[in-house]
Amino acid sequence: MHEFGTVLYVISEVEKLCKENDLTEVGSVTLEVGEVSGIVPDYLKSVWGWAVERSDYMKGAELKIEILPGVTYCEDCGKTYETMKYAKICPYCNSEHTYLVAGNEYNIKEIEAR
């Protein structure tokens, strides 16, 4: 379960920002999670509740998750399409010369400080 490591990394980064900016408390963190990142949002939330209670800055902080759609690009026809719906085969020209351009990432989008 890499969600545990992901949560610990996010908390560590937010704590660094708190120290750098003299913040005392975080109310929420919004994460953008790619739908093909392999990260399971329910697992993130499960680990989050446990982990934030061990942070001086983040006790009780809410985790908000926004899902980023997977987008694949076709090198043959130059079009993009929904990765989850069509996978590796381009729905426009049936080419397999495709690659993922979005949806495999996760980002800290927003931090609400109190």
PDB file of N, CA and C in Angstrom:
ATOM      1  N   MET A   1       0.851  -1.171   0.000  1.00  0.00           N
ATOM      2  CA  MET A   1       0.000   0.000   0.000  1.00  0.00           C
ATOM      3  C   MET A   1       0.900   1.238   0.000  1.00  0.00           C
ATOM      4  N   HIS A   2       1.047   1.870  -1.145  1.00  0.00           N
ATOM      5  CA  HIS A   2       1.881   3.066  -1.233  1.00  0.00           C
ATOM      6  C   HIS A   2       1.141   4.324  -0.789  1.00  0.00           C
ATOM      7  N   GLU A   3      -0.130   4.206  -0.472  1.00  0.00           N
ATOM      8  CA  GLU A   3      -0.884   5.349   0.032  1.00  0.00           C
ATOM      9  C   GLU A   3      -0.320   5.835   1.363  1.00  0.00           C
ATOM     10  N   PHE A   4       0.173   4.921   2.173  1.00  0.00           N
ATOM     11  CA  PHE A   4       0.755   5.301   3.463  1.00  0.00           C
ATOM     12  C   PHE A   4       1.963   6.216   3.247  1.00  0.00           C
ATOM     13  N   GLY A   5       2.853   5.818   2.358  1.00  0.00           N
ATOM     14  CA  GLY A   5       4.018   6.641   2.046  1.00  0.00           C
ATOM     15  C   GLY A   5       3.631   7.966   1.427  1.00  0.00           C
ATOM     16  N   THR A   6       2.613   7.949   0.586  1.00  0.00           N
ATOM     17  CA  THR A   6       2.132   9.179  -0.044  1.00  0.00           C
ATOM     18  C   THR A   6       1.631  10.157   1.011  1.00  0.00           C
ATOM     19  N   VAL A   7       0.837   9.666   1.944  1.00  0.00           N
ATOM     20  CA  VAL A   7       0.305  10.522   3.007  1.00  0.00           C
ATOM     21  C   VAL A   7       1.435  11.079   3.867  1.00  0.00           C
ATOM     22  N   LEU A   8       2.386  10.253   4.222  1.00  0.00           N
ATOM     23  CA  LEU A   8       3.497  10.735   5.041  1.00  0.00           C
ATOM     24  C   LEU A   8       4.303  11.798   4.304  1.00  0.00           C
ATOM     25  N   TYR A   9       4.498  11.617   3.007  1.00  0.00           N
ATOM     26  CA  TYR A   9       5.214  12.611   2.201  1.00  0.00           C
ATOM     27  C   TYR A   9       4.440  13.935   2.165  1.00  0.00           C
ATOM     28  N   VAL A  10       3.139  13.877   1.915  1.00  0.00           N
ATOM     29  CA  VAL A  10       2.311  15.087   1.848  1.00  0.00           C
ATOM     30  C   VAL A  10       2.351  15.820   3.189  1.00  0.00           C
ATOM     31  N   ILE A  11       2.200  15.099   4.271  1.00  0.00           N
ATOM     32  CA  ILE A  11       2.245  15.724   5.598  1.00  0.00           C
ATOM     33  C   ILE A  11       3.603  16.378   5.829  1.00  0.00           C
ATOM     34  N   SER A  12       4.668  15.711   5.460  1.00  0.00           N
ATOM     35  CA  SER A  12       6.008  16.261   5.619  1.00  0.00           C
ATOM     36  C   SER A  12       6.171  17.559   4.833  1.00  0.00           C
ATOM     37  N   GLU A  13       5.697  17.576   3.596  1.00  0.00           N
ATOM     38  CA  GLU A  13       5.802  18.779   2.765  1.00  0.00           C
ATOM     39  C   GLU A  13       4.963  19.923   3.329  1.00  0.00           C
ATOM     40  N   VAL A  14       3.769  19.612   3.798  1.00  0.00           N
ATOM     41  CA  VAL A  14       2.910  20.655   4.374  1.00  0.00           C
ATOM     42  C   VAL A  14       3.526  21.193   5.661  1.00  0.00           C
ATOM     43  N   GLU A  15       4.095  20.327   6.483  1.00  0.00           N
ATOM     44  CA  GLU A  15       4.752  20.784   7.711  1.00  0.00           C
ATOM     45  C   GLU A  15       5.929  21.713   7.397  1.00  0.00           C
ATOM     46  N   LYS A  16       6.688  21.406   6.341  1.00  0.00           N
ATOM     47  CA  LYS A  16       7.787  22.291   5.932  1.00  0.00           C
ATOM     48  C   LYS A  16       7.251  23.671   5.575  1.00  0.00           C
ATOM     49  N   LEU A  17       6.156  23.702   4.823  1.00  0.00           N
ATOM     50  CA  LEU A  17       5.545  24.980   4.450  1.00  0.00           C
ATOM     51  C   LEU A  17       5.054  25.739   5.679  1.00  0.00           C
ATOM     52  N   CYS A  18       4.515  25.018   6.636  1.00  0.00           N
ATOM     53  CA  CYS A  18       4.054  25.660   7.873  1.00  0.00           C
ATOM     54  C   CYS A  18       5.219  26.340   8.588  1.00  0.00           C
ATOM     55  N   LYS A  19       6.333  25.635   8.681  1.00  0.00           N
ATOM     56  CA  LYS A  19       7.511  26.189   9.361  1.00  0.00           C
ATOM     57  C   LYS A  19       8.065  27.395   8.604  1.00  0.00           C
ATOM     58  N   GLU A  20       8.149  27.277   7.286  1.00  0.00           N
ATOM     59  CA  GLU A  20       8.700  28.355   6.460  1.00  0.00           C
ATOM     60  C   GLU A  20       7.836  29.616   6.485  1.00  0.00           C
ATOM     61  N   ASN A  21       6.523  29.451   6.682  1.00  0.00           N
ATOM     62  CA  ASN A  21       5.591  30.573   6.599  1.00  0.00           C
ATOM     63  C   ASN A  21       4.962  30.937   7.942  1.00  0.00           C
ATOM     64  N   ASP A  22       5.518  30.424   9.026  1.00  0.00           N
ATOM     65  CA  ASP A  22       5.016  30.701  10.378  1.00  0.00           C
ATOM     66  C   ASP A  22       3.527  30.411  10.536  1.00  0.00           C
ATOM     67  N   LEU A  23       3.075  29.306   9.971  1.00  0.00           N
ATOM     68  CA  LEU A  23       1.688  28.873  10.138  1.00  0.00           C
ATOM     69  C   LEU A  23       1.610  27.977  11.365  1.00  0.00           C
ATOM     70  N   THR A  24       0.479  28.019  12.041  1.00  0.00           N
ATOM     71  CA  THR A  24       0.354  27.215  13.256  1.00  0.00           C
ATOM     72  C   THR A  24      -0.606  26.047  13.118  1.00  0.00           C
ATOM     73  N   GLU A  25      -1.533  26.141  12.161  1.00  0.00           N
ATOM     74  CA  GLU A  25      -2.533  25.081  12.033  1.00  0.00           C
ATOM     75  C   GLU A  25      -3.039  24.983  10.600  1.00  0.00           C
ATOM     76  N   VAL A  26      -3.233  23.755  10.141  1.00  0.00           N
ATOM     77  CA  VAL A  26      -3.773  23.489   8.812  1.00  0.00           C
ATOM     78  C   VAL A  26      -5.178  22.927   8.968  1.00  0.00           C
ATOM     79  N   GLY A  27      -6.138  23.529   8.253  1.00  0.00           N
ATOM     80  CA  GLY A  27      -7.522  23.067   8.313  1.00  0.00           C
ATOM     81  C   GLY A  27      -7.831  21.987   7.298  1.00  0.00           C
ATOM     82  N   SER A  28      -7.219  22.105   6.114  1.00  0.00           N
ATOM     83  CA  SER A  28      -7.451  21.087   5.090  1.00  0.00           C
ATOM     84  C   SER A  28      -6.326  21.114   4.060  1.00  0.00           C
ATOM     85  N   VAL A  29      -6.199  19.999   3.367  1.00  0.00           N
ATOM     86  CA  VAL A  29      -5.264  19.867   2.259  1.00  0.00           C
ATOM     87  C   VAL A  29      -6.048  19.277   1.097  1.00  0.00           C
ATOM     88  N   THR A  30      -5.904  19.900  -0.070  1.00  0.00           N
ATOM     89  CA  THR A  30      -6.551  19.383  -1.277  1.00  0.00           C
ATOM     90  C   THR A  30      -5.483  18.743  -2.148  1.00  0.00           C
ATOM     91  N   LEU A  31      -5.688  17.477  -2.460  1.00  0.00           N
ATOM     92  CA  LEU A  31      -4.782  16.750  -3.338  1.00  0.00           C
ATOM     93  C   LEU A  31      -5.457  16.489  -4.676  1.00  0.00           C
ATOM     94  N   GLU A  32      -4.698  16.647  -5.734  1.00  0.00           N
ATOM     95  CA  GLU A  32      -5.129  16.215  -7.053  1.00  0.00           C
ATOM     96  C   GLU A  32      -4.512  14.833  -7.266  1.00  0.00           C
ATOM     97  N   VAL A  33      -5.351  13.864  -7.604  1.00  0.00           N
ATOM     98  CA  VAL A  33      -4.884  12.489  -7.781  1.00  0.00           C
ATOM     99  C   VAL A  33      -5.312  12.000  -9.161  1.00  0.00           C
ATOM    100  N   GLY A  34      -4.350  11.587  -9.956  1.00  0.00           N
ATOM    101  CA  GLY A  34      -4.642  11.069 -11.286  1.00  0.00           C
ATOM    102  C   GLY A  34      -5.399   9.757 -11.211  1.00  0.00           C
ATOM    103  N   GLU A  35      -6.383   9.603 -12.088  1.00  0.00           N
ATOM    104  CA  GLU A  35      -7.211   8.396 -12.028  1.00  0.00           C
ATOM    105  C   GLU A  35      -6.460   7.134 -12.439  1.00  0.00           C
ATOM    106  N   VAL A  36      -5.309   7.265 -13.079  1.00  0.00           N
ATOM    107  CA  VAL A  36      -4.498   6.091 -13.417  1.00  0.00           C
ATOM    108  C   VAL A  36      -3.172   6.098 -12.648  1.00  0.00           C
ATOM    109  N   SER A  37      -3.128   6.801 -11.525  1.00  0.00           N
ATOM    110  CA  SER A  37      -1.906   6.895 -10.716  1.00  0.00           C
ATOM    111  C   SER A  37      -1.668   5.641  -9.886  1.00  0.00           C
ATOM    112  N   GLY A  38      -2.688   4.836  -9.709  1.00  0.00           N
ATOM    113  CA  GLY A  38      -2.563   3.667  -8.851  1.00  0.00           C
ATOM    114  C   GLY A  38      -2.852   3.979  -7.392  1.00  0.00           C
ATOM    115  N   ILE A  39      -3.124   5.238  -7.087  1.00  0.00           N
ATOM    116  CA  ILE A  39      -3.454   5.645  -5.725  1.00  0.00           C
ATOM    117  C   ILE A  39      -4.959   5.468  -5.516  1.00  0.00           C
ATOM    118  N   VAL A  40      -5.319   4.798  -4.438  1.00  0.00           N
ATOM    119  CA  VAL A  40      -6.730   4.550  -4.120  1.00  0.00           C
ATOM    120  C   VAL A  40      -7.197   5.615  -3.126  1.00  0.00           C
ATOM    121  N   PRO A  41      -8.082   6.525  -3.558  1.00  0.00           N
ATOM    122  CA  PRO A  41      -8.519   7.614  -2.677  1.00  0.00           C
ATOM    123  C   PRO A  41      -9.051   7.152  -1.316  1.00  0.00           C
ATOM    124  N   ASP A  42      -9.803   6.066  -1.275  1.00  0.00           N
ATOM    125  CA  ASP A  42     -10.322   5.589   0.007  1.00  0.00           C
ATOM    126  C   ASP A  42      -9.198   5.174   0.953  1.00  0.00           C
ATOM    127  N   TYR A  43      -8.135   4.596   0.410  1.00  0.00           N
ATOM    128  CA  TYR A  43      -6.988   4.219   1.230  1.00  0.00           C
ATOM    129  C   TYR A  43      -6.267   5.465   1.743  1.00  0.00           C
ATOM    130  N   LEU A  44      -6.156   6.489   0.876  1.00  0.00           N
ATOM    131  CA  LEU A  44      -5.545   7.749   1.312  1.00  0.00           C
ATOM    132  C   LEU A  44      -6.294   8.306   2.513  1.00  0.00           C
ATOM    133  N   LYS A  45      -7.607   8.360   2.394  1.00  0.00           N
ATOM    134  CA  LYS A  45      -8.425   8.924   3.472  1.00  0.00           C
ATOM    135  C   LYS A  45      -8.303   8.105   4.756  1.00  0.00           C
ATOM    136  N   SER A  46      -8.230   6.801   4.600  1.00  0.00           N
ATOM    137  CA  SER A  46      -8.104   5.924   5.762  1.00  0.00           C
ATOM    138  C   SER A  46      -6.799   6.185   6.514  1.00  0.00           C
ATOM    139  N   VAL A  47      -5.711   6.268   5.798  1.00  0.00           N
ATOM    140  CA  VAL A  47      -4.403   6.523   6.399  1.00  0.00           C
ATOM    141  C   VAL A  47      -4.314   7.957   6.919  1.00  0.00           C
ATOM    142  N   TRP A  48      -4.908   8.893   6.201  1.00  0.00           N
ATOM    143  CA  TRP A  48      -4.852  10.309   6.556  1.00  0.00           C
ATOM    144  C   TRP A  48      -5.331  10.553   7.981  1.00  0.00           C
ATOM    145  N   GLY A  49      -6.481  10.012   8.318  1.00  0.00           N
ATOM    146  CA  GLY A  49      -7.053  10.230   9.645  1.00  0.00           C
ATOM    147  C   GLY A  49      -6.115   9.832  10.770  1.00  0.00           C
ATOM    148  N   TRP A  50      -5.416   8.750  10.583  1.00  0.00           N
ATOM    149  CA  TRP A  50      -4.451   8.293  11.575  1.00  0.00           C
ATOM    150  C   TRP A  50      -3.217   9.200  11.592  1.00  0.00           C
ATOM    151  N   ALA A  51      -2.690   9.495  10.419  1.00  0.00           N
ATOM    152  CA  ALA A  51      -1.410  10.202  10.317  1.00  0.00           C
ATOM    153  C   ALA A  51      -1.478  11.660  10.773  1.00  0.00           C
ATOM    154  N   VAL A  52      -2.549  12.374  10.442  1.00  0.00           N
ATOM    155  CA  VAL A  52      -2.592  13.797  10.804  1.00  0.00           C
ATOM    156  C   VAL A  52      -2.682  14.014  12.309  1.00  0.00           C
ATOM    157  N   GLU A  53      -3.176  13.036  13.025  1.00  0.00           N
ATOM    158  CA  GLU A  53      -3.274  13.175  14.480  1.00  0.00           C
ATOM    159  C   GLU A  53      -1.893  13.146  15.138  1.00  0.00           C
ATOM    160  N   ARG A  54      -0.873  12.765  14.404  1.00  0.00           N
ATOM    161  CA  ARG A  54       0.492  12.719  14.919  1.00  0.00           C
ATOM    162  C   ARG A  54       1.306  13.948  14.519  1.00  0.00           C
ATOM    163  N   SER A  55       0.645  14.904  13.879  1.00  0.00           N
ATOM    164  CA  SER A  55       1.313  16.118  13.408  1.00  0.00           C
ATOM    165  C   SER A  55       0.956  17.293  14.311  1.00  0.00           C
ATOM    166  N   ASP A  56       1.945  18.089  14.626  1.00  0.00           N
ATOM    167  CA  ASP A  56       1.694  19.272  15.452  1.00  0.00           C
ATOM    168  C   ASP A  56       0.848  20.317  14.727  1.00  0.00           C
ATOM    169  N   TYR A  57       0.956  20.366  13.411  1.00  0.00           N
ATOM    170  CA  TYR A  57       0.267  21.391  12.618  1.00  0.00           C
ATOM    171  C   TYR A  57      -1.070  20.934  12.035  1.00  0.00           C
ATOM    172  N   MET A  58      -1.277  19.632  11.961  1.00  0.00           N
ATOM    173  CA  MET A  58      -2.378  19.144  11.136  1.00  0.00           C
ATOM    174  C   MET A  58      -3.440  18.323  11.860  1.00  0.00           C
ATOM    175  N   LYS A  59      -3.445  18.326  13.161  1.00  0.00           N
ATOM    176  CA  LYS A  59      -4.457  17.553  13.900  1.00  0.00           C
ATOM    177  C   LYS A  59      -5.861  17.931  13.420  1.00  0.00           C
ATOM    178  N   GLY A  60      -6.616  16.937  12.993  1.00  0.00           N
ATOM    179  CA  GLY A  60      -7.980  17.166  12.546  1.00  0.00           C
ATOM    180  C   GLY A  60      -8.120  17.742  11.149  1.00  0.00           C
ATOM    181  N   ALA A  61      -7.019  17.928  10.432  1.00  0.00           N
ATOM    182  CA  ALA A  61      -7.084  18.505   9.082  1.00  0.00           C
ATOM    183  C   ALA A  61      -7.839  17.567   8.139  1.00  0.00           C
ATOM    184  N   GLU A  62      -8.669  18.166   7.319  1.00  0.00           N
ATOM    185  CA  GLU A  62      -9.460  17.416   6.351  1.00  0.00           C
ATOM    186  C   GLU A  62      -8.639  17.173   5.084  1.00  0.00           C
ATOM    187  N   LEU A  63      -8.825  16.005   4.491  1.00  0.00           N
ATOM    188  CA  LEU A  63      -8.213  15.700   3.206  1.00  0.00           C
ATOM    189  C   LEU A  63      -9.291  15.798   2.138  1.00  0.00           C
ATOM    190  N   LYS A  64      -9.051  16.667   1.161  1.00  0.00           N
ATOM    191  CA  LYS A  64      -9.960  16.800   0.019  1.00  0.00           C
ATOM    192  C   LYS A  64      -9.228  16.244  -1.196  1.00  0.00           C
ATOM    193  N   ILE A  65      -9.931  15.441  -1.984  1.00  0.00           N
ATOM    194  CA  ILE A  65      -9.313  14.805  -3.142  1.00  0.00           C
ATOM    195  C   ILE A  65     -10.070  15.185  -4.405  1.00  0.00           C
ATOM    196  N   GLU A  66      -9.316  15.639  -5.393  1.00  0.00           N
ATOM    197  CA  GLU A  66      -9.863  15.922  -6.720  1.00  0.00           C
ATOM    198  C   GLU A  66      -9.213  14.940  -7.695  1.00  0.00           C
ATOM    199  N   ILE A  67     -10.034  14.248  -8.459  1.00  0.00           N
ATOM    200  CA  ILE A  67      -9.522  13.255  -9.400  1.00  0.00           C
ATOM    201  C   ILE A  67      -9.199  13.920 -10.737  1.00  0.00           C
ATOM    202  N   LEU A  68      -7.976  13.706 -11.212  1.00  0.00           N
ATOM    203  CA  LEU A  68      -7.551  14.208 -12.520  1.00  0.00           C
ATOM    204  C   LEU A  68      -7.758  13.103 -13.546  1.00  0.00           C
ATOM    205  N   PRO A  69      -8.446  13.395 -14.644  1.00  0.00           N
ATOM    206  CA  PRO A  69      -8.707  12.348 -15.637  1.00  0.00           C
ATOM    207  C   PRO A  69      -7.437  11.900 -16.361  1.00  0.00           C
ATOM    208  N   GLY A  70      -7.410  10.630 -16.708  1.00  0.00           N
ATOM    209  CA  GLY A  70      -6.326  10.106 -17.520  1.00  0.00           C
ATOM    210  C   GLY A  70      -6.535  10.527 -18.966  1.00  0.00           C
ATOM    211  N   VAL A  71      -5.487  11.037 -19.601  1.00  0.00           N
ATOM    212  CA  VAL A  71      -5.558  11.472 -21.003  1.00  0.00           C
ATOM    213  C   VAL A  71      -4.388  10.828 -21.741  1.00  0.00           C
ATOM    214  N   THR A  72      -4.698  10.214 -22.870  1.00  0.00           N
ATOM    215  CA  THR A  72      -3.684   9.561 -23.686  1.00  0.00           C
ATOM    216  C   THR A  72      -3.601  10.260 -25.041  1.00  0.00           C
ATOM    217  N   TYR A  73      -2.384  10.352 -25.560  1.00  0.00           N
ATOM    218  CA  TYR A  73      -2.122  10.997 -26.854  1.00  0.00           C
ATOM    219  C   TYR A  73      -1.758   9.930 -27.884  1.00  0.00           C
ATOM    220  N   CYS A  74      -2.322  10.065 -29.078  1.00  0.00           N
ATOM    221  CA  CYS A  74      -2.013   9.161 -30.177  1.00  0.00           C
ATOM    222  C   CYS A  74      -0.991   9.823 -31.106  1.00  0.00           C
ATOM    223  N   GLU A  75       0.140   9.160 -31.287  1.00  0.00           N
ATOM    224  CA  GLU A  75       1.188   9.706 -32.152  1.00  0.00           C
ATOM    225  C   GLU A  75       0.812   9.641 -33.632  1.00  0.00           C
ATOM    226  N   ASP A  76      -0.064   8.721 -33.991  1.00  0.00           N
ATOM    227  CA  ASP A  76      -0.420   8.572 -35.410  1.00  0.00           C
ATOM    228  C   ASP A  76      -1.427   9.605 -35.898  1.00  0.00           C
ATOM    229  N   CYS A  77      -2.472   9.859 -35.111  1.00  0.00           N
ATOM    230  CA  CYS A  77      -3.485  10.810 -35.581  1.00  0.00           C
ATOM    231  C   CYS A  77      -3.423  12.156 -34.852  1.00  0.00           C
ATOM    232  N   GLY A  78      -2.635  12.238 -33.780  1.00  0.00           N
ATOM    233  CA  GLY A  78      -2.456  13.495 -33.072  1.00  0.00           C
ATOM    234  C   GLY A  78      -3.597  13.881 -32.148  1.00  0.00           C
ATOM    235  N   LYS A  79      -4.503  12.962 -31.875  1.00  0.00           N
ATOM    236  CA  LYS A  79      -5.640  13.275 -30.997  1.00  0.00           C
ATOM    237  C   LYS A  79      -5.403  12.732 -29.597  1.00  0.00           C
ATOM    238  N   THR A  80      -6.123  13.312 -28.640  1.00  0.00           N
ATOM    239  CA  THR A  80      -6.109  12.808 -27.275  1.00  0.00           C
ATOM    240  C   THR A  80      -7.458  12.170 -26.982  1.00  0.00           C
ATOM    241  N   TYR A  81      -7.445  11.265 -25.992  1.00  0.00           N
ATOM    242  CA  TYR A  81      -8.684  10.581 -25.629  1.00  0.00           C
ATOM    243  C   TYR A  81      -8.632  10.138 -24.168  1.00  0.00           C
ATOM    244  N   GLU A  82      -9.787   9.697 -23.660  1.00  0.00           N
ATOM    245  CA  GLU A  82      -9.916   9.259 -22.275  1.00  0.00           C
ATOM    246  C   GLU A  82      -9.217   7.912 -22.083  1.00  0.00           C
ATOM    247  N   THR A  83      -8.227   7.901 -21.238  1.00  0.00           N
ATOM    248  CA  THR A  83      -7.453   6.685 -20.996  1.00  0.00           C
ATOM    249  C   THR A  83      -8.301   5.578 -20.384  1.00  0.00           C
ATOM    250  N   MET A  84      -9.100   5.900 -19.395  1.00  0.00           N
ATOM    251  CA  MET A  84      -9.889   4.880 -18.696  1.00  0.00           C
ATOM    252  C   MET A  84     -10.915   4.223 -19.618  1.00  0.00           C
ATOM    253  N   LYS A  85     -11.405   4.950 -20.565  1.00  0.00           N
ATOM    254  CA  LYS A  85     -12.434   4.416 -21.458  1.00  0.00           C
ATOM    255  C   LYS A  85     -11.844   3.557 -22.579  1.00  0.00           C
ATOM    256  N   TYR A  86     -10.676   3.949 -23.097  1.00  0.00           N
ATOM    257  CA  TYR A  86     -10.138   3.272 -24.273  1.00  0.00           C
ATOM    258  C   TYR A  86      -8.786   2.604 -24.068  1.00  0.00           C
ATOM    259  N   ALA A  87      -8.148   2.810 -22.942  1.00  0.00           N
ATOM    260  CA  ALA A  87      -6.838   2.213 -22.635  1.00  0.00           C
ATOM    261  C   ALA A  87      -5.781   2.630 -23.644  1.00  0.00           C
ATOM    262  N   LYS A  88      -5.032   1.684 -24.172  1.00  0.00           N
ATOM    263  CA  LYS A  88      -3.883   2.000 -25.021  1.00  0.00           C
ATOM    264  C   LYS A  88      -4.239   2.142 -26.502  1.00  0.00           C
ATOM    265  N   ILE A  89      -5.380   1.655 -26.921  1.00  0.00           N
ATOM    266  CA  ILE A  89      -5.766   1.687 -28.340  1.00  0.00           C
ATOM    267  C   ILE A  89      -6.544   2.967 -28.640  1.00  0.00           C
ATOM    268  N   CYS A  90      -6.056   3.753 -29.596  1.00  0.00           N
ATOM    269  CA  CYS A  90      -6.713   5.007 -29.973  1.00  0.00           C
ATOM    270  C   CYS A  90      -8.097   4.722 -30.558  1.00  0.00           C
ATOM    271  N   PRO A  91      -9.138   5.366 -30.034  1.00  0.00           N
ATOM    272  CA  PRO A  91     -10.487   5.134 -30.548  1.00  0.00           C
ATOM    273  C   PRO A  91     -10.730   5.793 -31.919  1.00  0.00           C
ATOM    274  N   TYR A  92      -9.852   6.672 -32.334  1.00  0.00           N
ATOM    275  CA  TYR A  92     -10.025   7.376 -33.603  1.00  0.00           C
ATOM    276  C   TYR A  92      -9.390   6.640 -34.781  1.00  0.00           C
ATOM    277  N   CYS A  93      -8.199   6.046 -34.554  1.00  0.00           N
ATOM    278  CA  CYS A  93      -7.498   5.404 -35.682  1.00  0.00           C
ATOM    279  C   CYS A  93      -7.019   3.986 -35.364  1.00  0.00           C
ATOM    280  N   ASN A  94      -7.348   3.482 -34.180  1.00  0.00           N
ATOM    281  CA  ASN A  94      -6.980   2.131 -33.729  1.00  0.00           C
ATOM    282  C   ASN A  94      -5.475   1.902 -33.600  1.00  0.00           C
ATOM    283  N   SER A  95      -4.725   2.948 -33.491  1.00  0.00           N
ATOM    284  CA  SER A  95      -3.274   2.850 -33.331  1.00  0.00           C
ATOM    285  C   SER A  95      -2.905   2.460 -31.901  1.00  0.00           C
ATOM    286  N   GLU A  96      -1.797   1.758 -31.776  1.00  0.00           N
ATOM    287  CA  GLU A  96      -1.234   1.453 -30.460  1.00  0.00           C
ATOM    288  C   GLU A  96      -0.050   2.359 -30.142  1.00  0.00           C
ATOM    289  N   HIS A  97       0.240   3.308 -31.027  1.00  0.00           N
ATOM    290  CA  HIS A  97       1.339   4.254 -30.806  1.00  0.00           C
ATOM    291  C   HIS A  97       0.831   5.429 -29.965  1.00  0.00           C
ATOM    292  N   THR A  98       0.593   5.137 -28.725  1.00  0.00           N
ATOM    293  CA  THR A  98      -0.005   6.115 -27.815  1.00  0.00           C
ATOM    294  C   THR A  98       0.821   6.209 -26.545  1.00  0.00           C
ATOM    295  N   TYR A  99       0.636   7.326 -25.831  1.00  0.00           N
ATOM    296  CA  TYR A  99       1.264   7.447 -24.519  1.00  0.00           C
ATOM    297  C   TYR A  99       0.428   8.350 -23.623  1.00  0.00           C
ATOM    298  N   LEU A 100       0.564   8.091 -22.340  1.00  0.00           N
ATOM    299  CA  LEU A 100      -0.183   8.828 -21.329  1.00  0.00           C
ATOM    300  C   LEU A 100       0.394  10.230 -21.175  1.00  0.00           C
ATOM    301  N   VAL A 101      -0.474  11.242 -21.195  1.00  0.00           N
ATOM    302  CA  VAL A 101      -0.023  12.622 -21.010  1.00  0.00           C
ATOM    303  C   VAL A 101      -0.513  13.235 -19.697  1.00  0.00           C
ATOM    304  N   ALA A 102      -1.522  12.651 -19.098  1.00  0.00           N
ATOM    305  CA  ALA A 102      -2.042  13.168 -17.819  1.00  0.00           C
ATOM    306  C   ALA A 102      -2.822  12.074 -17.107  1.00  0.00           C
ATOM    307  N   GLY A 103      -2.859  12.197 -15.783  1.00  0.00           N
ATOM    308  CA  GLY A 103      -3.658  11.267 -14.994  1.00  0.00           C
ATOM    309  C   GLY A 103      -2.843  10.286 -14.178  1.00  0.00           C
ATOM    310  N   ASN A 104      -1.519  10.384 -14.241  1.00  0.00           N
ATOM    311  CA  ASN A 104      -0.662   9.487 -13.482  1.00  0.00           C
ATOM    312  C   ASN A 104       0.010  10.192 -12.304  1.00  0.00           C
ATOM    313  N   GLU A 105      -0.373  11.426 -12.054  1.00  0.00           N
ATOM    314  CA  GLU A 105       0.310  12.236 -11.054  1.00  0.00           C
ATOM    315  C   GLU A 105      -0.547  12.442  -9.803  1.00  0.00           C
ATOM    316  N   TYR A 106       0.106  12.987  -8.781  1.00  0.00           N
ATOM    317  CA  TYR A 106      -0.637  13.544  -7.653  1.00  0.00           C
ATOM    318  C   TYR A 106       0.080  14.822  -7.243  1.00  0.00           C
ATOM    319  N   ASN A 107      -0.701  15.819  -6.866  1.00  0.00           N
ATOM    320  CA  ASN A 107      -0.165  17.130  -6.523  1.00  0.00           C
ATOM    321  C   ASN A 107      -0.873  17.686  -5.295  1.00  0.00           C
ATOM    322  N   ILE A 108      -0.132  18.431  -4.501  1.00  0.00           N
ATOM    323  CA  ILE A 108      -0.772  19.201  -3.442  1.00  0.00           C
ATOM    324  C   ILE A 108      -1.298  20.462  -4.116  1.00  0.00           C
ATOM    325  N   LYS A 109      -2.596  20.584  -4.215  1.00  0.00           N
ATOM    326  CA  LYS A 109      -3.209  21.707  -4.910  1.00  0.00           C
ATOM    327  C   LYS A 109      -3.402  22.916  -3.993  1.00  0.00           C
ATOM    328  N   GLU A 110      -3.852  22.635  -2.771  1.00  0.00           N
ATOM    329  CA  GLU A 110      -4.230  23.744  -1.887  1.00  0.00           C
ATOM    330  C   GLU A 110      -4.076  23.340  -0.433  1.00  0.00           C
ATOM    331  N   ILE A 111      -3.651  24.304   0.347  1.00  0.00           N
ATOM    332  CA  ILE A 111      -3.547  24.121   1.797  1.00  0.00           C
ATOM    333  C   ILE A 111      -4.326  25.246   2.458  1.00  0.00           C
ATOM    334  N   GLU A 112      -5.264  24.882   3.298  1.00  0.00           N
ATOM    335  CA  GLU A 112      -6.047  25.889   4.030  1.00  0.00           C
ATOM    336  C   GLU A 112      -5.440  26.029   5.427  1.00  0.00           C
ATOM    337  N   ALA A 113      -4.881  27.180   5.687  1.00  0.00           N
ATOM    338  CA  ALA A 113      -4.297  27.453   7.003  1.00  0.00           C
ATOM    339  C   ALA A 113      -5.321  28.187   7.863  1.00  0.00           C
ATOM    340  N   ARG A 114      -5.257  27.915   9.143  1.00  0.00           N
ATOM    341  CA  ARG A 114      -6.159  28.601  10.076  1.00  0.00           C
ATOM    342  C   ARG A 114      -5.395  29.608  10.885  1.00  0.00           C
TER     343      ARG A 114
END
